[in-house]
Protein backbone atom coordinates (compact mmCIF):
# COMPACT_ATOMS: atom_id res chain seq x y z
CA UNK A 1 -9.20 -77.59 78.61
CA UNK A 2 -11.89 -75.31 77.28
CA UNK A 3 -10.04 -73.18 74.76
CA UNK A 4 -10.74 -69.90 72.99
CA UNK A 5 -8.52 -69.06 70.02
CA UNK A 6 -8.61 -65.56 68.61
CA UNK A 7 -6.87 -65.49 65.24
CA UNK A 8 -5.44 -62.06 64.46
CA UNK A 9 -4.76 -61.08 60.84
CA UNK A 10 -6.64 -64.14 59.61
CA UNK A 11 -9.99 -64.17 57.87
CA UNK A 12 -9.55 -66.99 55.42
CA UNK A 13 -10.55 -70.63 55.59
CA UNK A 14 -8.08 -72.98 57.22
CA UNK A 15 -8.16 -76.61 58.29
CA UNK A 16 -8.09 -75.69 61.95
CA UNK A 17 -11.57 -74.19 61.61
CA UNK A 18 -12.95 -77.62 60.65
CA UNK A 19 -10.90 -79.35 63.35
CA UNK A 20 -12.27 -77.00 65.99
CA UNK A 21 -15.84 -77.87 64.95
CA UNK A 22 -15.07 -81.52 65.73
CA UNK A 23 -13.81 -80.47 69.17
CA UNK A 24 -16.81 -78.24 70.01
CA UNK A 25 -17.67 -77.15 72.61
CA UNK A 26 -14.13 -77.47 73.95
CA UNK A 27 -12.46 -75.28 71.31
CA UNK A 28 -13.79 -72.03 69.89
CA UNK A 29 -12.03 -70.13 67.11
CA UNK A 30 -12.82 -66.57 66.05
CA UNK A 31 -11.03 -64.73 63.26
CA UNK A 32 -10.16 -61.03 63.24
CA UNK A 33 -8.72 -60.31 59.84
CA UNK A 34 -9.28 -59.87 56.16
CA UNK A 35 -9.68 -62.88 53.90
CA UNK A 36 -6.61 -63.78 51.91
CA UNK A 37 -2.89 -63.56 52.46
CA UNK A 38 -1.69 -60.84 54.83
CA UNK A 39 1.03 -58.61 53.43
CA UNK A 40 2.55 -56.46 56.17
CA UNK A 41 3.54 -53.83 53.59
CA UNK A 42 0.04 -53.61 52.12
CA UNK A 43 -2.33 -53.42 55.06
CA UNK A 44 -5.47 -51.33 55.11
CA UNK A 45 -4.48 -50.03 58.52
CA UNK A 46 -7.84 -48.52 59.45
CA UNK A 47 -9.84 -51.64 58.62
CA UNK A 48 -7.17 -54.01 59.96
CA UNK A 49 -6.87 -52.02 63.21
CA UNK A 50 -10.64 -52.13 63.67
CA UNK A 51 -10.60 -55.92 63.24
CA UNK A 52 -7.65 -56.23 65.65
CA UNK A 53 -9.41 -54.01 68.24
CA UNK A 54 -12.47 -56.26 67.95
CA UNK A 55 -10.17 -59.24 68.50
CA UNK A 56 -8.65 -57.67 71.59
CA UNK A 57 -12.10 -56.96 73.04
CA UNK A 58 -13.41 -60.46 72.23
CA UNK A 59 -10.28 -62.09 73.65
CA UNK A 60 -10.54 -60.05 76.84
CA UNK A 61 -14.21 -61.00 77.17
CA UNK A 62 -13.44 -64.67 76.61
CA UNK A 63 -10.61 -64.58 79.15
CA UNK A 64 -12.79 -62.92 81.81
CA UNK A 65 -15.95 -64.95 81.09
CA UNK A 66 -15.04 -67.97 83.20
CA UNK A 67 -15.93 -70.14 80.20
CA UNK A 68 -12.35 -70.84 79.12
CA UNK A 69 -9.26 -72.33 80.74
CA UNK A 70 -6.95 -71.43 77.86
CA UNK A 71 -7.07 -68.27 75.72
CA UNK A 72 -4.77 -68.13 72.70
CA UNK A 73 -4.20 -64.92 70.76
CA UNK A 74 -2.89 -66.39 67.53
CA UNK A 75 -0.53 -64.07 65.61
CA UNK A 76 -0.96 -61.17 68.03
CA UNK A 77 2.81 -60.63 68.05
CA UNK A 78 2.71 -60.22 64.27
CA UNK A 79 -0.28 -57.89 64.61
CA UNK A 80 1.81 -55.77 66.98
CA UNK A 81 4.73 -55.78 64.54
CA UNK A 82 2.34 -54.55 61.81
CA UNK A 83 1.14 -51.73 64.11
CA UNK A 84 -2.38 -53.12 64.49
CA UNK A 85 -2.22 -53.53 68.29
CA UNK A 86 -0.07 -51.75 70.82
CA UNK A 87 2.20 -53.21 73.44
CA UNK A 88 0.05 -51.42 76.02
CA UNK A 89 -3.03 -53.31 74.80
CA UNK A 90 -1.16 -56.60 74.99
CA UNK A 91 -0.06 -55.89 78.57
CA UNK A 92 -3.64 -54.93 79.52
CA UNK A 93 -4.64 -58.51 78.72
CA UNK A 94 -1.81 -59.90 80.81
CA UNK A 95 -2.64 -57.71 83.82
CA UNK A 96 -6.35 -58.61 83.63
CA UNK A 97 -5.73 -62.36 83.36
CA UNK A 98 -7.58 -64.24 86.11
CA UNK A 99 -5.87 -66.98 88.08
CA UNK A 100 -6.53 -70.35 86.54
CA UNK A 101 -6.56 -69.07 82.96
CA UNK A 102 -3.61 -69.77 80.67
CA UNK A 103 -2.91 -66.92 78.25
CA UNK A 104 -0.83 -67.58 75.13
CA UNK A 105 0.43 -65.07 72.56
CA UNK A 106 1.76 -66.48 69.28
CA UNK A 107 3.46 -65.16 66.18
CA UNK A 108 6.78 -63.91 65.00
CA UNK A 109 8.38 -60.67 66.11
CA UNK A 110 7.45 -60.85 69.80
CA UNK A 111 8.41 -57.52 71.36
CA UNK A 112 11.40 -57.84 73.69
CA UNK A 113 9.40 -56.18 76.50
CA UNK A 114 6.87 -58.99 76.23
CA UNK A 115 9.60 -61.63 76.14
CA UNK A 116 11.12 -60.12 79.29
CA UNK A 117 7.83 -60.44 81.19
CA UNK A 118 6.72 -63.82 79.83
CA UNK A 119 6.88 -67.01 81.87
CA UNK A 120 7.58 -69.15 78.80
CA UNK A 121 8.97 -68.23 75.38
CA UNK A 122 9.37 -70.70 72.54
CA UNK A 123 10.91 -69.91 69.18
CA UNK A 124 10.31 -72.21 66.22
CA UNK A 125 12.73 -71.96 63.31
CA UNK A 126 12.01 -73.61 59.97
CA UNK A 127 14.92 -75.64 58.67
CA UNK A 128 13.38 -76.84 55.42
CA UNK A 129 9.91 -76.41 53.89
CA UNK A 130 8.42 -77.68 50.65
CA UNK A 131 6.79 -74.26 50.08
CA UNK A 132 10.29 -73.13 49.11
CA UNK A 133 10.09 -75.57 46.16
CA UNK A 134 6.68 -74.21 45.13
CA UNK A 135 4.60 -77.01 46.62
CA UNK A 136 1.15 -75.56 47.51
CA UNK A 137 -0.76 -76.05 50.75
CA UNK A 138 -2.02 -79.63 51.09
CA UNK A 139 -5.55 -80.67 52.05
CA UNK A 140 -5.67 -81.98 55.60
CA UNK A 141 -2.23 -80.57 56.45
CA UNK A 142 -2.12 -76.80 55.85
CA UNK A 143 -5.70 -76.25 54.72
């Protein structure tokens, strides 16, 4: 499927950016966030909201373009939790979704109103992670 991934709250390098280049033109990734680690308690709300609004507009355009079968808004639920996008804006995407396009919202803290309206909800829970022992991100796996 031709896929557009809009990454909210992300502006740093990650391994998926390289992987998507290998899958071009089938996968496109755009980032809408500041470089570096996102700290929900230390956001520059004006700048981060502007980047999130750009992400919403670009994601809407991608979804309506006819160029993509799958549109993923990566970490949009977290962006909502951090007050960067509103629930109303999220529902505007859902209402505008054309038939034949799959729309996916990812991230923690999905609003319960969104969960109630969704066709599919998956929750992933970490059981054990080497980060907890101080092991850094590994080349080819996390970066």
